[in-house]
Structures are given as structure tokens and as C-alpha cells.
PDB file of N, CA and C in Angstrom:
ATOM      1  N   UNK A   1      -1.531  28.076 110.467  1.00  0.00           N
ATOM      2  CA  UNK A   1      -1.553  27.202 109.303  1.00  0.00           C
ATOM      3  C   UNK A   1      -0.339  26.814 108.886  1.00  0.00           C
ATOM      4  N   UNK A   2      -0.315  25.388 109.209  1.00  0.00           N
ATOM      5  CA  UNK A   2       0.793  25.125 108.939  1.00  0.00           C
ATOM      6  C   UNK A   2       0.965  23.989 107.600  1.00  0.00           C
ATOM      7  N   UNK A   3       0.027  24.182 107.148  1.00  0.00           N
ATOM      8  CA  UNK A   3      -0.324  22.972 106.070  1.00  0.00           C
ATOM      9  C   UNK A   3      -0.538  23.633 104.630  1.00  0.00           C
ATOM     10  N   UNK A   4      -0.039  23.797 103.294  1.00  0.00           N
ATOM     11  CA  UNK A   4       0.115  25.239 101.859  1.00  0.00           C
ATOM     12  C   UNK A   4      -0.618  24.060 100.891  1.00  0.00           C
ATOM     13  N   UNK A   5      -0.551  24.279 100.185  1.00  0.00           N
ATOM     14  CA  UNK A   5      -1.762  23.665  98.901  1.00  0.00           C
ATOM     15  C   UNK A   5      -1.359  24.814  98.064  1.00  0.00           C
ATOM     16  N   UNK A   6      -0.742  24.592  96.715  1.00  0.00           N
ATOM     17  CA  UNK A   6      -0.231  25.232  96.045  1.00  0.00           C
ATOM     18  C   UNK A   6      -1.163  24.550  94.527  1.00  0.00           C
ATOM     19  N   UNK A   7      -1.981  25.460  93.647  1.00  0.00           N
ATOM     20  CA  UNK A   7      -2.129  25.596  92.669  1.00  0.00           C
ATOM     21  C   UNK A   7      -1.870  25.117  91.474  1.00  0.00           C
ATOM     22  N   UNK A   8      -0.992  24.420  90.451  1.00  0.00           N
ATOM     23  CA  UNK A   8       0.041  24.705  89.658  1.00  0.00           C
ATOM     24  C   UNK A   8      -0.651  25.298  88.599  1.00  0.00           C
ATOM     25  N   UNK A   9      -2.258  24.611  88.383  1.00  0.00           N
ATOM     26  CA  UNK A   9      -2.837  24.969  87.457  1.00  0.00           C
ATOM     27  C   UNK A   9      -4.202  25.862  88.004  1.00  0.00           C
ATOM     28  N   UNK A  10      -5.297  26.727  86.964  1.00  0.00           N
ATOM     29  CA  UNK A  10      -6.046  26.941  87.604  1.00  0.00           C
ATOM     30  C   UNK A  10      -6.796  25.998  88.735  1.00  0.00           C
ATOM     31  N   UNK A  11      -7.447  26.730  89.379  1.00  0.00           N
ATOM     32  CA  UNK A  11      -8.508  25.459  90.413  1.00  0.00           C
ATOM     33  C   UNK A  11      -9.525  26.437  90.793  1.00  0.00           C
ATOM     34  N   UNK A  12      -9.973  25.926  90.259  1.00  0.00           N
ATOM     35  CA  UNK A  12     -12.234  26.545  91.014  1.00  0.00           C
ATOM     36  C   UNK A  12     -12.191  27.296  92.057  1.00  0.00           C
ATOM     37  N   UNK A  13     -12.566  28.551  92.212  1.00  0.00           N
ATOM     38  CA  UNK A  13     -13.011  29.470  93.296  1.00  0.00           C
ATOM     39  C   UNK A  13     -13.682  28.807  95.161  1.00  0.00           C
ATOM     40  N   UNK A  14     -14.690  27.783  93.901  1.00  0.00           N
ATOM     41  CA  UNK A  14     -15.397  26.941  94.438  1.00  0.00           C
ATOM     42  C   UNK A  14     -14.835  25.830  95.298  1.00  0.00           C
ATOM     43  N   UNK A  15     -14.031  24.919  94.387  1.00  0.00           N
ATOM     44  CA  UNK A  15     -13.004  23.544  94.717  1.00  0.00           C
ATOM     45  C   UNK A  15     -12.369  24.741  95.848  1.00  0.00           C
ATOM     46  N   UNK A  16     -11.874  25.250  95.896  1.00  0.00           N
ATOM     47  CA  UNK A  16     -10.000  25.718  96.425  1.00  0.00           C
ATOM     48  C   UNK A  16     -11.010  26.444  98.011  1.00  0.00           C
ATOM     49  N   UNK A  17     -12.189  26.893  98.237  1.00  0.00           N
ATOM     50  CA  UNK A  17     -13.053  27.396  99.432  1.00  0.00           C
ATOM     51  C   UNK A  17     -13.008  26.234 100.497  1.00  0.00           C
ATOM     52  N   UNK A  18     -13.151  25.090  99.794  1.00  0.00           N
ATOM     53  CA  UNK A  18     -13.662  23.900 100.943  1.00  0.00           C
ATOM     54  C   UNK A  18     -11.694  23.684 101.315  1.00  0.00           C
ATOM     55  N   UNK A  19     -10.587  24.353 101.202  1.00  0.00           N
ATOM     56  CA  UNK A  19      -9.904  23.155 101.515  1.00  0.00           C
ATOM     57  C   UNK A  19      -9.377  24.713 102.590  1.00  0.00           C
ATOM     58  N   UNK A  20      -9.689  26.084 102.627  1.00  0.00           N
ATOM     59  CA  UNK A  20      -9.140  27.536 102.968  1.00  0.00           C
ATOM     60  C   UNK A  20      -9.500  26.933 104.892  1.00  0.00           C
ATOM     61  N   UNK A  21     -10.203  26.151 105.426  1.00  0.00           N
ATOM     62  CA  UNK A  21     -10.786  26.153 106.404  1.00  0.00           C
ATOM     63  C   UNK A  21      -9.840  25.276 107.771  1.00  0.00           C
ATOM     64  N   UNK A  22      -8.768  24.245 106.616  1.00  0.00           N
ATOM     65  CA  UNK A  22      -7.335  23.747 107.054  1.00  0.00           C
ATOM     66  C   UNK A  22      -6.957  23.992 105.990  1.00  0.00           C
ATOM     67  N   UNK A  23      -6.509  24.497 105.491  1.00  0.00           N
ATOM     68  CA  UNK A  23      -4.707  24.439 104.359  1.00  0.00           C
ATOM     69  C   UNK A  23      -4.771  25.902 104.248  1.00  0.00           C
ATOM     70  N   UNK A  24      -3.509  26.115 103.719  1.00  0.00           N
ATOM     71  CA  UNK A  24      -3.389  27.835 103.489  1.00  0.00           C
ATOM     72  C   UNK A  24      -3.465  27.516 101.812  1.00  0.00           C
ATOM     73  N   UNK A  25      -3.414  28.197 100.655  1.00  0.00           N
ATOM     74  CA  UNK A  25      -3.367  28.833  99.406  1.00  0.00           C
ATOM     75  C   UNK A  25      -2.286  29.172  99.560  1.00  0.00           C
ATOM     76  N   UNK A  26      -1.142  28.721  98.598  1.00  0.00           N
ATOM     77  CA  UNK A  26      -0.063  30.070  98.062  1.00  0.00           C
ATOM     78  C   UNK A  26       0.658  29.733  97.185  1.00  0.00           C
ATOM     79  N   UNK A  27       0.304  30.712  96.672  1.00  0.00           N
ATOM     80  CA  UNK A  27       1.268  31.160  94.471  1.00  0.00           C
ATOM     81  C   UNK A  27       2.379  30.231  94.559  1.00  0.00           C
ATOM     82  N   UNK A  28       3.232  29.874  96.388  1.00  0.00           N
ATOM     83  CA  UNK A  28       4.485  29.886  96.066  1.00  0.00           C
ATOM     84  C   UNK A  28       4.657  28.027  96.399  1.00  0.00           C
ATOM     85  N   UNK A  29       4.661  27.727  94.842  1.00  0.00           N
ATOM     86  CA  UNK A  29       5.309  25.720  94.792  1.00  0.00           C
ATOM     87  C   UNK A  29       5.810  25.078  95.859  1.00  0.00           C
ATOM     88  N   UNK A  30       6.999  26.225  95.767  1.00  0.00           N
ATOM     89  CA  UNK A  30       8.474  25.688  96.758  1.00  0.00           C
ATOM     90  C   UNK A  30       7.918  25.843  98.185  1.00  0.00           C
ATOM     91  N   UNK A  31       6.917  25.823  98.788  1.00  0.00           N
ATOM     92  CA  UNK A  31       6.617  26.707  99.956  1.00  0.00           C
ATOM     93  C   UNK A  31       4.846  25.332 100.538  1.00  0.00           C
ATOM     94  N   UNK A  32       4.787  24.595  99.980  1.00  0.00           N
ATOM     95  CA  UNK A  32       4.068  24.186  99.524  1.00  0.00           C
ATOM     96  C   UNK A  32       4.128  22.420 100.416  1.00  0.00           C
ATOM     97  N   UNK A  33       3.283  22.168 101.341  1.00  0.00           N
ATOM     98  CA  UNK A  33       2.339  20.472 100.991  1.00  0.00           C
ATOM     99  C   UNK A  33       2.110  19.799  99.853  1.00  0.00           C
ATOM    100  N   UNK A  34       1.554  20.215  99.437  1.00  0.00           N
ATOM    101  CA  UNK A  34       0.497  19.862  98.532  1.00  0.00           C
ATOM    102  C   UNK A  34       0.077  20.611  97.099  1.00  0.00           C
ATOM    103  N   UNK A  35       0.185  19.732  96.075  1.00  0.00           N
ATOM    104  CA  UNK A  35      -0.264  20.855  94.955  1.00  0.00           C
ATOM    105  C   UNK A  35      -1.075  20.207  93.889  1.00  0.00           C
ATOM    106  N   UNK A  36      -2.035  21.146  93.467  1.00  0.00           N
ATOM    107  CA  UNK A  36      -3.340  20.856  92.987  1.00  0.00           C
ATOM    108  C   UNK A  36      -3.204  20.813  91.393  1.00  0.00           C
ATOM    109  N   UNK A  37      -3.244  19.779  90.040  1.00  0.00           N
ATOM    110  CA  UNK A  37      -3.022  20.170  88.713  1.00  0.00           C
ATOM    111  C   UNK A  37      -3.783  19.905  87.961  1.00  0.00           C
ATOM    112  N   UNK A  38      -4.021  20.026  86.663  1.00  0.00           N
ATOM    113  CA  UNK A  38      -4.842  20.108  85.791  1.00  0.00           C
ATOM    114  C   UNK A  38      -3.850  19.207  84.337  1.00  0.00           C
ATOM    115  N   UNK A  39      -3.645  20.548  83.568  1.00  0.00           N
ATOM    116  CA  UNK A  39      -2.943  19.708  82.767  1.00  0.00           C
ATOM    117  C   UNK A  39      -1.084  20.227  82.842  1.00  0.00           C
ATOM    118  N   UNK A  40      -0.600  21.717  83.645  1.00  0.00           N
ATOM    119  CA  UNK A  40       0.900  21.171  83.386  1.00  0.00           C
ATOM    120  C   UNK A  40       1.854  19.504  84.007  1.00  0.00           C
ATOM    121  N   UNK A  41       2.907  20.424  83.129  1.00  0.00           N
ATOM    122  CA  UNK A  41       3.533  19.260  83.467  1.00  0.00           C
ATOM    123  C   UNK A  41       4.666  19.218  83.830  1.00  0.00           C
ATOM    124  N   UNK A  42       4.758  18.207  85.083  1.00  0.00           N
ATOM    125  CA  UNK A  42       5.595  18.140  86.278  1.00  0.00           C
ATOM    126  C   UNK A  42       7.216  17.680  86.021  1.00  0.00           C
ATOM    127  N   UNK A  43       7.021  17.133  84.448  1.00  0.00           N
ATOM    128  CA  UNK A  43       8.775  16.280  85.194  1.00  0.00           C
ATOM    129  C   UNK A  43       9.583  16.692  85.265  1.00  0.00           C
ATOM    130  N   UNK A  44       9.995  18.529  84.102  1.00  0.00           N
ATOM    131  CA  UNK A  44      10.615  19.284  84.972  1.00  0.00           C
ATOM    132  C   UNK A  44      10.864  19.765  86.185  1.00  0.00           C
ATOM    133  N   UNK A  45       9.538  19.667  86.399  1.00  0.00           N
ATOM    134  CA  UNK A  45       9.642  20.500  87.999  1.00  0.00           C
ATOM    135  C   UNK A  45      11.252  20.237  89.250  1.00  0.00           C
ATOM    136  N   UNK A  46      10.896  21.294  90.076  1.00  0.00           N
ATOM    137  CA  UNK A  46      11.463  21.192  90.817  1.00  0.00           C
ATOM    138  C   UNK A  46      10.953  20.735  92.638  1.00  0.00           C
ATOM    139  N   UNK A  47      10.620  19.914  93.137  1.00  0.00           N
ATOM    140  CA  UNK A  47       9.713  19.371  94.483  1.00  0.00           C
ATOM    141  C   UNK A  47      10.271  19.938  95.398  1.00  0.00           C
ATOM    142  N   UNK A  48       9.906  19.969  95.654  1.00  0.00           N
ATOM    143  CA  UNK A  48      10.441  21.125  97.615  1.00  0.00           C
ATOM    144  C   UNK A  48      10.319  19.817  98.032  1.00  0.00           C
ATOM    145  N   UNK A  49      11.509  19.621  99.173  1.00  0.00           N
ATOM    146  CA  UNK A  49      11.144  18.659 100.595  1.00  0.00           C
ATOM    147  C   UNK A  49      10.027  18.606 101.484  1.00  0.00           C
ATOM    148  N   UNK A  50       9.340  19.346 101.357  1.00  0.00           N
ATOM    149  CA  UNK A  50       7.112  19.770 102.298  1.00  0.00           C
ATOM    150  C   UNK A  50       6.151  19.161 101.256  1.00  0.00           C
ATOM    151  N   UNK A  51       6.755  18.300  99.435  1.00  0.00           N
ATOM    152  CA  UNK A  51       5.704  18.828  99.602  1.00  0.00           C
ATOM    153  C   UNK A  51       5.480  16.899  99.223  1.00  0.00           C
ATOM    154  N   UNK A  52       3.610  16.702 100.102  1.00  0.00           N
ATOM    155  CA  UNK A  52       4.054  15.273 100.217  1.00  0.00           C
ATOM    156  C   UNK A  52       2.855  14.850  99.091  1.00  0.00           C
ATOM    157  N   UNK A  53       1.680  15.528  98.477  1.00  0.00           N
ATOM    158  CA  UNK A  53       1.232  15.344  97.949  1.00  0.00           C
ATOM    159  C   UNK A  53       0.861  15.850  96.789  1.00  0.00           C
ATOM    160  N   UNK A  54       0.479  15.001  95.310  1.00  0.00           N
ATOM    161  CA  UNK A  54       0.169  16.041  93.903  1.00  0.00           C
ATOM    162  C   UNK A  54      -1.425  15.027  93.383  1.00  0.00           C
ATOM    163  N   UNK A  55      -2.904  16.005  93.677  1.00  0.00           N
ATOM    164  CA  UNK A  55      -3.712  16.056  93.021  1.00  0.00           C
ATOM    165  C   UNK A  55      -4.185  16.165  91.468  1.00  0.00           C
ATOM    166  N   UNK A  56      -4.074  15.580  90.833  1.00  0.00           N
ATOM    167  CA  UNK A  56      -4.281  15.923  89.779  1.00  0.00           C
ATOM    168  C   UNK A  56      -6.238  15.768  89.198  1.00  0.00           C
ATOM    169  N   UNK A  57      -6.387  16.467  89.248  1.00  0.00           N
ATOM    170  CA  UNK A  57      -7.925  17.498  88.384  1.00  0.00           C
ATOM    171  C   UNK A  57      -8.116  16.650  86.787  1.00  0.00           C
ATOM    172  N   UNK A  58      -8.738  15.355  86.596  1.00  0.00           N
ATOM    173  CA  UNK A  58      -8.462  14.503  85.319  1.00  0.00           C
ATOM    174  C   UNK A  58      -8.169  12.660  85.081  1.00  0.00           C
ATOM    175  N   UNK A  59      -7.646  12.615  84.113  1.00  0.00           N
ATOM    176  CA  UNK A  59      -7.399  11.137  84.110  1.00  0.00           C
ATOM    177  C   UNK A  59      -6.544  10.979  83.597  1.00  0.00           C
ATOM    178  N   UNK A  60      -6.012   9.988  84.557  1.00  0.00           N
ATOM    179  CA  UNK A  60      -4.275   9.901  83.534  1.00  0.00           C
ATOM    180  C   UNK A  60      -3.080  11.135  84.520  1.00  0.00           C
ATOM    181  N   UNK A  61      -2.026  10.701  84.917  1.00  0.00           N
ATOM    182  CA  UNK A  61      -1.374  11.037  85.747  1.00  0.00           C
ATOM    183  C   UNK A  61       0.099  10.882  84.734  1.00  0.00           C
ATOM    184  N   UNK A  62      -0.018  10.993  83.448  1.00  0.00           N
ATOM    185  CA  UNK A  62       1.330  11.079  82.712  1.00  0.00           C
ATOM    186  C   UNK A  62       1.930  12.760  82.318  1.00  0.00           C
ATOM    187  N   UNK A  63       1.822  13.223  83.308  1.00  0.00           N
ATOM    188  CA  UNK A  63       2.224  14.515  83.706  1.00  0.00           C
ATOM    189  C   UNK A  63       2.999  14.583  84.161  1.00  0.00           C
ATOM    190  N   UNK A  64       3.425  13.756  84.942  1.00  0.00           N
ATOM    191  CA  UNK A  64       3.608  13.842  86.747  1.00  0.00           C
ATOM    192  C   UNK A  64       4.414  13.024  86.396  1.00  0.00           C
ATOM    193  N   UNK A  65       5.757  13.124  87.160  1.00  0.00           N
ATOM    194  CA  UNK A  65       7.166  11.586  87.154  1.00  0.00           C
ATOM    195  C   UNK A  65       6.848  10.783  88.124  1.00  0.00           C
ATOM    196  N   UNK A  66       5.660   9.487  87.931  1.00  0.00           N
ATOM    197  CA  UNK A  66       5.375   8.609  88.778  1.00  0.00           C
ATOM    198  C   UNK A  66       7.032   8.255  89.453  1.00  0.00           C
ATOM    199  N   UNK A  67       7.334   7.851  88.745  1.00  0.00           N
ATOM    200  CA  UNK A  67       9.109   6.925  89.175  1.00  0.00           C
ATOM    201  C   UNK A  67       9.539   7.617  90.435  1.00  0.00           C
ATOM    202  N   UNK A  68       9.580   9.343  90.212  1.00  0.00           N
ATOM    203  CA  UNK A  68      10.495  10.209  91.020  1.00  0.00           C
ATOM    204  C   UNK A  68      10.047  10.525  92.300  1.00  0.00           C
ATOM    205  N   UNK A  69       8.463  10.160  92.067  1.00  0.00           N
ATOM    206  CA  UNK A  69       7.145  10.467  92.964  1.00  0.00           C
ATOM    207  C   UNK A  69       7.520   9.320  94.311  1.00  0.00           C
ATOM    208  N   UNK A  70       7.492   9.044  93.618  1.00  0.00           N
ATOM    209  CA  UNK A  70       7.005   7.293  94.875  1.00  0.00           C
ATOM    210  C   UNK A  70       9.374   7.022  95.581  1.00  0.00           C
ATOM    211  N   UNK A  71       9.843   7.150  94.507  1.00  0.00           N
ATOM    212  CA  UNK A  71      10.972   7.535  95.239  1.00  0.00           C
ATOM    213  C   UNK A  71      11.280   8.747  96.100  1.00  0.00           C
ATOM    214  N   UNK A  72      10.593  10.214  96.608  1.00  0.00           N
ATOM    215  CA  UNK A  72      10.495  11.151  97.291  1.00  0.00           C
ATOM    216  C   UNK A  72       8.986  10.538  97.451  1.00  0.00           C
ATOM    217  N   UNK A  73       8.901   9.821  97.619  1.00  0.00           N
ATOM    218  CA  UNK A  73       7.381   9.846  98.959  1.00  0.00           C
ATOM    219  C   UNK A  73       6.295  10.493  98.516  1.00  0.00           C
ATOM    220  N   UNK A  74       6.115  11.310  97.712  1.00  0.00           N
ATOM    221  CA  UNK A  74       5.166  11.780  97.439  1.00  0.00           C
ATOM    222  C   UNK A  74       3.734  11.344  96.433  1.00  0.00           C
ATOM    223  N   UNK A  75       2.500  11.309  97.187  1.00  0.00           N
ATOM    224  CA  UNK A  75       1.427  10.706  96.173  1.00  0.00           C
ATOM    225  C   UNK A  75       0.721  11.334  95.528  1.00  0.00           C
ATOM    226  N   UNK A  76       0.467  10.414  95.070  1.00  0.00           N
ATOM    227  CA  UNK A  76      -0.202  10.984  93.675  1.00  0.00           C
ATOM    228  C   UNK A  76      -1.987  10.610  93.367  1.00  0.00           C
ATOM    229  N   UNK A  77      -2.602  11.656  93.160  1.00  0.00           N
ATOM    230  CA  UNK A  77      -4.053  11.092  93.262  1.00  0.00           C
ATOM    231  C   UNK A  77      -4.435  11.881  91.822  1.00  0.00           C
ATOM    232  N   UNK A  78      -5.590  10.980  91.106  1.00  0.00           N
ATOM    233  CA  UNK A  78      -6.266  11.490  89.859  1.00  0.00           C
ATOM    234  C   UNK A  78      -7.788  11.117  89.931  1.00  0.00           C
ATOM    235  N   UNK A  79      -8.419  11.600  89.050  1.00  0.00           N
ATOM    236  CA  UNK A  79     -10.350  11.587  89.953  1.00  0.00           C
ATOM    237  C   UNK A  79     -10.497  11.541  88.535  1.00  0.00           C
ATOM    238  N   UNK A  80     -10.067  10.577  87.755  1.00  0.00           N
ATOM    239  CA  UNK A  80     -11.126  10.539  85.858  1.00  0.00           C
ATOM    240  C   UNK A  80     -12.181  10.884  86.596  1.00  0.00           C
ATOM    241  N   UNK A  81     -12.954  12.076  86.019  1.00  0.00           N
ATOM    242  CA  UNK A  81     -14.227  12.115  84.993  1.00  0.00           C
ATOM    243  C   UNK A  81     -14.786  12.341  86.209  1.00  0.00           C
ATOM    244  N   UNK A  82     -13.912  13.319  86.279  1.00  0.00           N
ATOM    245  CA  UNK A  82     -14.593  14.042  88.279  1.00  0.00           C
ATOM    246  C   UNK A  82     -13.542  16.002  87.804  1.00  0.00           C
ATOM    247  N   UNK A  83     -14.373  16.741  88.766  1.00  0.00           N
ATOM    248  CA  UNK A  83     -13.813  18.179  88.304  1.00  0.00           C
ATOM    249  C   UNK A  83     -12.912  18.641  89.755  1.00  0.00           C
ATOM    250  N   UNK A  84     -12.971  19.623  89.718  1.00  0.00           N
ATOM    251  CA  UNK A  84     -11.882  20.595  90.395  1.00  0.00           C
ATOM    252  C   UNK A  84     -12.245  20.001  92.082  1.00  0.00           C
ATOM    253  N   UNK A  85     -13.429  20.005  92.777  1.00  0.00           N
ATOM    254  CA  UNK A  85     -14.256  19.437  93.859  1.00  0.00           C
ATOM    255  C   UNK A  85     -14.012  17.438  93.878  1.00  0.00           C
ATOM    256  N   UNK A  86     -13.818  17.305  93.423  1.00  0.00           N
ATOM    257  CA  UNK A  86     -13.438  16.065  93.708  1.00  0.00           C
ATOM    258  C   UNK A  86     -11.374  15.855  93.679  1.00  0.00           C
ATOM    259  N   UNK A  87     -11.304  16.568  93.587  1.00  0.00           N
ATOM    260  CA  UNK A  87      -9.690  16.274  93.790  1.00  0.00           C
ATOM    261  C   UNK A  87      -9.116  16.699  94.896  1.00  0.00           C
ATOM    262  N   UNK A  88      -9.963  18.148  95.727  1.00  0.00           N
ATOM    263  CA  UNK A  88      -9.718  18.740  97.102  1.00  0.00           C
ATOM    264  C   UNK A  88     -10.044  18.044  98.018  1.00  0.00           C
ATOM    265  N   UNK A  89     -11.644  17.165  97.340  1.00  0.00           N
ATOM    266  CA  UNK A  89     -12.163  15.858  98.622  1.00  0.00           C
ATOM    267  C   UNK A  89     -11.067  15.064  98.349  1.00  0.00           C
ATOM    268  N   UNK A  90     -10.052  14.984  97.307  1.00  0.00           N
ATOM    269  CA  UNK A  90      -9.167  13.579  97.754  1.00  0.00           C
ATOM    270  C   UNK A  90      -8.319  13.932  98.847  1.00  0.00           C
ATOM    271  N   UNK A  91      -8.110  15.119  98.923  1.00  0.00           N
ATOM    272  CA  UNK A  91      -6.664  16.160  99.382  1.00  0.00           C
ATOM    273  C   UNK A  91      -6.827  15.980 100.135  1.00  0.00           C
ATOM    274  N   UNK A  92      -7.772  16.784 100.701  1.00  0.00           N
ATOM    275  CA  UNK A  92      -8.184  16.686 102.373  1.00  0.00           C
ATOM    276  C   UNK A  92      -8.713  15.506 102.920  1.00  0.00           C
ATOM    277  N   UNK A  93      -8.873  14.097 102.274  1.00  0.00           N
ATOM    278  CA  UNK A  93      -9.129  12.957 102.988  1.00  0.00           C
ATOM    279  C   UNK A  93      -7.965  11.684 103.423  1.00  0.00           C
ATOM    280  N   UNK A  94      -7.018  12.245 102.024  1.00  0.00           N
ATOM    281  CA  UNK A  94      -5.914  11.744 102.708  1.00  0.00           C
ATOM    282  C   UNK A  94      -4.576  11.510 103.513  1.00  0.00           C
TER     283      UNK A  94
END
């Protein structure tokens, strides 16, 4: 498996189970192609060159540096009114 997802915050095991057939869940964000976040502030984070997508479980994206993500070609999704299962579906579909 060459696609890795890192959970920056705690994400439901039930939601992560949806990803395990197609993605490796890693504890190492610097090795990941996708990040799943809830409330973590990412403005001071170092994004790995491999990072392609950030999925936010919740409304709003004020904890994510959108300008920097756009410059680096990182797609950002959020899920207003949804739970962690919605985030995983969005990342898989993306």
C-alpha cells in the first residue's frame, strides 16, 4: 500500500475502518499523503512533500492555513454538520 493517512486528532475507529482497505493509517504525519484533523491548529505545521489532502472533521477551516495549502497544491475539505465517517468518505472519494 503506498497511500498513507495520518490522524492529527483522535478519529473514530469506525470511521478509520472505512479507509483501511485502501489506505495505510500511519502515526507519522511526515510520511502521510493525507491528514485527518478535528481541532488541531496547523498554521505552524511542517507539511511533508507527500501531503496531498487535509480533511477536517467539522465546520470551518480556521485551524488550517488555506493560503499555504493552495500554494503547495494541498486540497482542503471540511464537513460542516458531519462526523468522522463523513470525512473519511470525502477523502476516499477525492
